[in-house]
Amino acid sequence: MGGPASIECVFAGRDGYTLDMTTADEPNVEPNPEKPTEQWVTGDEPMTGPQQSYLETLAREGGEDPPEDLTKAEASEEIERLQQVTGRGASGT
């Protein structure tokens, strides 16, 4: 696979101005830089529904009981751990 695809989008407003959203010239833009979970602003909030669902799937595949009552940050860390156990995720796909 190569780098990100070139995206070009031009919007013309009623007032005659245009907005050009070309990203082809932006070098090495990382769309989702990773931030340590301890720095997350909402990391201590309860895990989201999608996190819980994915954790249940990963735990089942890993032969473990799904964790309950985790924070968003804890859930993210547990997802990463279970992805290693199950071979899923970025390095296991």
N, C-alpha and C. Protein backbone atom coordinates (compact mmCIF):
# COMPACT_ATOMS: atom_id res chain seq x y z
N MET A 1 0.83 -1.18 0.00
CA MET A 1 0.00 0.00 0.00
C MET A 1 0.87 1.24 0.00
N GLY A 2 0.43 2.25 -0.71
CA GLY A 2 1.14 3.51 -0.73
C GLY A 2 0.65 4.44 0.35
N GLY A 3 0.96 5.71 0.19
CA GLY A 3 0.53 6.71 1.16
C GLY A 3 -0.94 7.03 0.99
N PRO A 4 -1.40 8.03 1.74
CA PRO A 4 -2.81 8.39 1.66
C PRO A 4 -3.18 8.88 0.26
N ALA A 5 -4.40 8.63 -0.12
CA ALA A 5 -4.89 9.05 -1.42
C ALA A 5 -5.01 10.57 -1.47
N SER A 6 -4.84 11.11 -2.64
CA SER A 6 -4.99 12.55 -2.83
C SER A 6 -6.47 12.90 -2.78
N ILE A 7 -6.78 13.91 -2.00
CA ILE A 7 -8.16 14.35 -1.88
C ILE A 7 -8.24 15.80 -2.33
N GLU A 8 -9.16 16.07 -3.21
CA GLU A 8 -9.36 17.45 -3.65
C GLU A 8 -10.84 17.74 -3.62
N CYS A 9 -11.19 18.82 -2.95
CA CYS A 9 -12.58 19.17 -2.81
C CYS A 9 -12.68 20.69 -2.84
N VAL A 10 -13.44 21.22 -3.75
CA VAL A 10 -13.61 22.66 -3.86
C VAL A 10 -15.08 23.00 -3.68
N PHE A 11 -15.36 23.91 -2.75
CA PHE A 11 -16.72 24.34 -2.50
C PHE A 11 -16.89 25.77 -2.97
N ALA A 12 -17.97 26.04 -3.67
CA ALA A 12 -18.27 27.40 -4.10
C ALA A 12 -19.47 27.90 -3.31
N GLY A 13 -19.27 28.99 -2.60
CA GLY A 13 -20.35 29.55 -1.80
C GLY A 13 -21.18 30.53 -2.60
N ARG A 14 -22.33 30.90 -2.05
CA ARG A 14 -23.23 31.83 -2.73
C ARG A 14 -22.60 33.21 -2.90
N ASP A 15 -21.65 33.53 -2.01
CA ASP A 15 -21.04 34.85 -2.08
C ASP A 15 -19.88 34.92 -3.06
N GLY A 16 -19.62 33.84 -3.78
CA GLY A 16 -18.57 33.85 -4.79
C GLY A 16 -17.22 33.34 -4.29
N TYR A 17 -17.08 33.17 -2.99
CA TYR A 17 -15.82 32.66 -2.45
C TYR A 17 -15.76 31.15 -2.63
N THR A 18 -14.57 30.63 -2.76
CA THR A 18 -14.40 29.18 -2.84
C THR A 18 -13.50 28.71 -1.71
N LEU A 19 -13.69 27.50 -1.32
CA LEU A 19 -12.88 26.87 -0.29
C LEU A 19 -12.25 25.65 -0.93
N ASP A 20 -10.94 25.65 -1.05
CA ASP A 20 -10.22 24.56 -1.66
C ASP A 20 -9.62 23.70 -0.54
N MET A 21 -10.05 22.44 -0.47
CA MET A 21 -9.56 21.55 0.59
C MET A 21 -8.68 20.46 -0.02
N THR A 22 -7.62 20.86 -0.68
CA THR A 22 -6.71 19.92 -1.30
C THR A 22 -5.70 19.45 -0.27
N THR A 23 -5.55 18.14 -0.12
CA THR A 23 -4.60 17.62 0.86
C THR A 23 -3.38 16.96 0.21
N ALA A 24 -3.32 16.92 -1.11
CA ALA A 24 -2.23 16.24 -1.78
C ALA A 24 -0.88 16.86 -1.45
N ASP A 25 -0.83 18.16 -1.17
CA ASP A 25 0.43 18.84 -0.90
C ASP A 25 0.83 18.80 0.58
N GLU A 26 0.01 18.23 1.42
CA GLU A 26 0.34 18.17 2.85
C GLU A 26 1.23 16.95 3.10
N PRO A 27 2.48 17.19 3.49
CA PRO A 27 3.40 16.06 3.68
C PRO A 27 3.15 15.32 4.99
N ASN A 28 3.07 14.00 4.92
CA ASN A 28 3.02 13.13 6.09
C ASN A 28 2.05 13.59 7.17
N VAL A 29 0.83 13.86 6.81
CA VAL A 29 -0.17 14.25 7.79
C VAL A 29 -0.65 12.99 8.49
N GLU A 30 -0.55 12.96 9.81
CA GLU A 30 -1.03 11.82 10.58
C GLU A 30 -2.40 12.17 11.11
N PRO A 31 -3.47 11.55 10.60
CA PRO A 31 -4.82 11.96 10.95
C PRO A 31 -5.19 11.71 12.41
N ASN A 32 -4.67 10.67 13.03
CA ASN A 32 -5.02 10.34 14.41
C ASN A 32 -3.77 10.06 15.22
N PRO A 33 -3.03 11.10 15.59
CA PRO A 33 -1.84 10.84 16.39
C PRO A 33 -2.22 10.21 17.72
N GLU A 34 -1.43 9.25 18.15
CA GLU A 34 -1.74 8.57 19.40
C GLU A 34 -1.31 9.43 20.57
N LYS A 35 -2.15 9.48 21.56
CA LYS A 35 -1.89 10.23 22.78
C LYS A 35 -1.97 9.24 23.93
N PRO A 36 -1.04 9.30 24.88
CA PRO A 36 -1.12 8.37 26.01
C PRO A 36 -2.47 8.49 26.72
N THR A 37 -3.03 7.35 27.13
CA THR A 37 -4.37 7.35 27.73
C THR A 37 -4.44 8.21 28.98
N GLU A 38 -3.33 8.35 29.70
CA GLU A 38 -3.37 9.20 30.91
C GLU A 38 -3.51 10.68 30.58
N GLN A 39 -3.33 11.04 29.31
CA GLN A 39 -3.50 12.43 28.89
C GLN A 39 -4.87 12.69 28.26
N TRP A 40 -5.70 11.68 28.14
CA TRP A 40 -7.02 11.85 27.55
C TRP A 40 -7.88 12.72 28.45
N VAL A 41 -8.55 13.69 27.89
CA VAL A 41 -9.44 14.56 28.65
C VAL A 41 -10.64 13.78 29.17
N THR A 42 -11.15 12.85 28.37
CA THR A 42 -12.34 12.08 28.77
C THR A 42 -11.99 10.65 29.17
N GLY A 43 -10.73 10.39 29.46
CA GLY A 43 -10.27 9.04 29.76
C GLY A 43 -10.89 8.41 30.98
N ASP A 44 -11.36 9.24 31.93
CA ASP A 44 -11.95 8.67 33.14
C ASP A 44 -13.47 8.50 33.05
N GLU A 45 -14.04 8.81 31.88
CA GLU A 45 -15.47 8.57 31.67
C GLU A 45 -15.69 7.08 31.40
N PRO A 46 -16.91 6.59 31.62
CA PRO A 46 -17.19 5.17 31.34
C PRO A 46 -16.92 4.82 29.88
N MET A 47 -16.50 3.57 29.65
CA MET A 47 -16.23 3.14 28.28
C MET A 47 -17.47 3.31 27.42
N THR A 48 -17.25 3.46 26.13
CA THR A 48 -18.36 3.64 25.20
C THR A 48 -18.98 2.30 24.85
N GLY A 49 -20.15 2.35 24.25
CA GLY A 49 -20.82 1.13 23.79
C GLY A 49 -19.98 0.35 22.79
N PRO A 50 -19.40 1.03 21.78
CA PRO A 50 -18.56 0.30 20.84
C PRO A 50 -17.33 -0.33 21.50
N GLN A 51 -16.73 0.35 22.48
CA GLN A 51 -15.60 -0.24 23.19
C GLN A 51 -16.04 -1.51 23.92
N GLN A 52 -17.17 -1.43 24.60
CA GLN A 52 -17.67 -2.58 25.35
C GLN A 52 -17.97 -3.76 24.42
N SER A 53 -18.60 -3.48 23.30
CA SER A 53 -18.93 -4.52 22.34
C SER A 53 -17.67 -5.19 21.79
N TYR A 54 -16.70 -4.37 21.43
CA TYR A 54 -15.45 -4.91 20.88
C TYR A 54 -14.69 -5.70 21.94
N LEU A 55 -14.69 -5.20 23.18
CA LEU A 55 -14.05 -5.93 24.27
C LEU A 55 -14.69 -7.29 24.49
N GLU A 56 -16.01 -7.34 24.41
CA GLU A 56 -16.72 -8.62 24.57
C GLU A 56 -16.30 -9.60 23.47
N THR A 57 -16.21 -9.10 22.25
CA THR A 57 -15.79 -9.95 21.13
C THR A 57 -14.37 -10.45 21.33
N LEU A 58 -13.46 -9.53 21.66
CA LEU A 58 -12.06 -9.90 21.84
C LEU A 58 -11.89 -10.88 23.00
N ALA A 59 -12.58 -10.61 24.11
CA ALA A 59 -12.47 -11.48 25.28
C ALA A 59 -12.97 -12.89 24.95
N ARG A 60 -14.09 -12.97 24.24
CA ARG A 60 -14.64 -14.27 23.85
C ARG A 60 -13.63 -15.02 22.97
N GLU A 61 -13.05 -14.32 22.00
CA GLU A 61 -12.07 -14.95 21.11
C GLU A 61 -10.81 -15.35 21.86
N GLY A 62 -10.48 -14.59 22.90
CA GLY A 62 -9.29 -14.89 23.69
C GLY A 62 -9.54 -15.85 24.83
N GLY A 63 -10.77 -16.34 24.97
CA GLY A 63 -11.10 -17.28 26.03
C GLY A 63 -11.12 -16.66 27.41
N GLU A 64 -11.44 -15.38 27.47
CA GLU A 64 -11.47 -14.67 28.74
C GLU A 64 -12.88 -14.14 29.01
N ASP A 65 -13.13 -13.79 30.26
CA ASP A 65 -14.39 -13.12 30.60
C ASP A 65 -14.26 -11.66 30.23
N PRO A 66 -15.31 -11.08 29.64
CA PRO A 66 -15.23 -9.66 29.27
C PRO A 66 -15.17 -8.78 30.52
N PRO A 67 -14.31 -7.76 30.50
CA PRO A 67 -14.22 -6.86 31.63
C PRO A 67 -15.45 -5.97 31.71
N GLU A 68 -15.76 -5.51 32.91
CA GLU A 68 -16.90 -4.62 33.11
C GLU A 68 -16.45 -3.37 33.84
N ASP A 69 -17.24 -2.34 33.73
CA ASP A 69 -17.04 -1.09 34.48
C ASP A 69 -15.67 -0.46 34.28
N LEU A 70 -15.19 -0.45 33.03
CA LEU A 70 -13.92 0.19 32.74
C LEU A 70 -14.14 1.63 32.30
N THR A 71 -13.11 2.45 32.44
CA THR A 71 -13.15 3.79 31.89
C THR A 71 -12.77 3.71 30.41
N LYS A 72 -12.92 4.80 29.69
CA LYS A 72 -12.53 4.82 28.28
C LYS A 72 -11.05 4.48 28.12
N ALA A 73 -10.22 5.06 28.99
CA ALA A 73 -8.78 4.82 28.91
C ALA A 73 -8.45 3.36 29.23
N GLU A 74 -9.05 2.82 30.29
CA GLU A 74 -8.81 1.43 30.66
C GLU A 74 -9.29 0.49 29.56
N ALA A 75 -10.43 0.80 28.97
CA ALA A 75 -10.97 -0.03 27.89
C ALA A 75 -10.03 -0.03 26.70
N SER A 76 -9.48 1.13 26.37
CA SER A 76 -8.55 1.22 25.25
C SER A 76 -7.32 0.37 25.48
N GLU A 77 -6.79 0.43 26.71
CA GLU A 77 -5.61 -0.38 27.04
C GLU A 77 -5.94 -1.87 27.01
N GLU A 78 -7.12 -2.23 27.48
CA GLU A 78 -7.54 -3.64 27.48
C GLU A 78 -7.76 -4.13 26.05
N ILE A 79 -8.29 -3.27 25.19
CA ILE A 79 -8.47 -3.62 23.78
C ILE A 79 -7.11 -3.91 23.16
N GLU A 80 -6.13 -3.06 23.42
CA GLU A 80 -4.79 -3.29 22.87
C GLU A 80 -4.21 -4.61 23.36
N ARG A 81 -4.39 -4.92 24.65
CA ARG A 81 -3.87 -6.16 25.20
C ARG A 81 -4.55 -7.37 24.54
N LEU A 82 -5.88 -7.31 24.44
CA LEU A 82 -6.62 -8.43 23.86
C LEU A 82 -6.35 -8.58 22.36
N GLN A 83 -6.06 -7.49 21.68
CA GLN A 83 -5.70 -7.59 20.27
C GLN A 83 -4.40 -8.38 20.12
N GLN A 84 -3.48 -8.21 21.04
CA GLN A 84 -2.24 -8.99 21.01
C GLN A 84 -2.54 -10.47 21.28
N VAL A 85 -3.42 -10.72 22.25
CA VAL A 85 -3.77 -12.10 22.61
C VAL A 85 -4.45 -12.81 21.44
N THR A 86 -5.35 -12.11 20.75
CA THR A 86 -6.14 -12.74 19.69
C THR A 86 -5.51 -12.62 18.30
N GLY A 87 -4.49 -11.78 18.16
CA GLY A 87 -3.88 -11.58 16.85
C GLY A 87 -4.63 -10.60 15.99
N ARG A 88 -5.56 -9.85 16.60
CA ARG A 88 -6.30 -8.84 15.85
C ARG A 88 -5.58 -7.50 15.98
N GLY A 89 -6.11 -6.51 15.31
CA GLY A 89 -5.59 -5.17 15.47
C GLY A 89 -4.57 -4.81 14.39
N ALA A 90 -3.90 -3.70 14.60
CA ALA A 90 -3.01 -3.12 13.60
C ALA A 90 -1.92 -4.09 13.14
N SER A 91 -1.27 -4.76 14.08
CA SER A 91 -0.19 -5.66 13.69
C SER A 91 -0.67 -7.07 13.36
N GLY A 92 -1.92 -7.37 13.74
CA GLY A 92 -2.42 -8.72 13.53
C GLY A 92 -3.42 -8.86 12.41
N THR A 93 -3.71 -7.77 11.70
CA THR A 93 -4.72 -7.85 10.66
C THR A 93 -4.16 -8.35 9.37
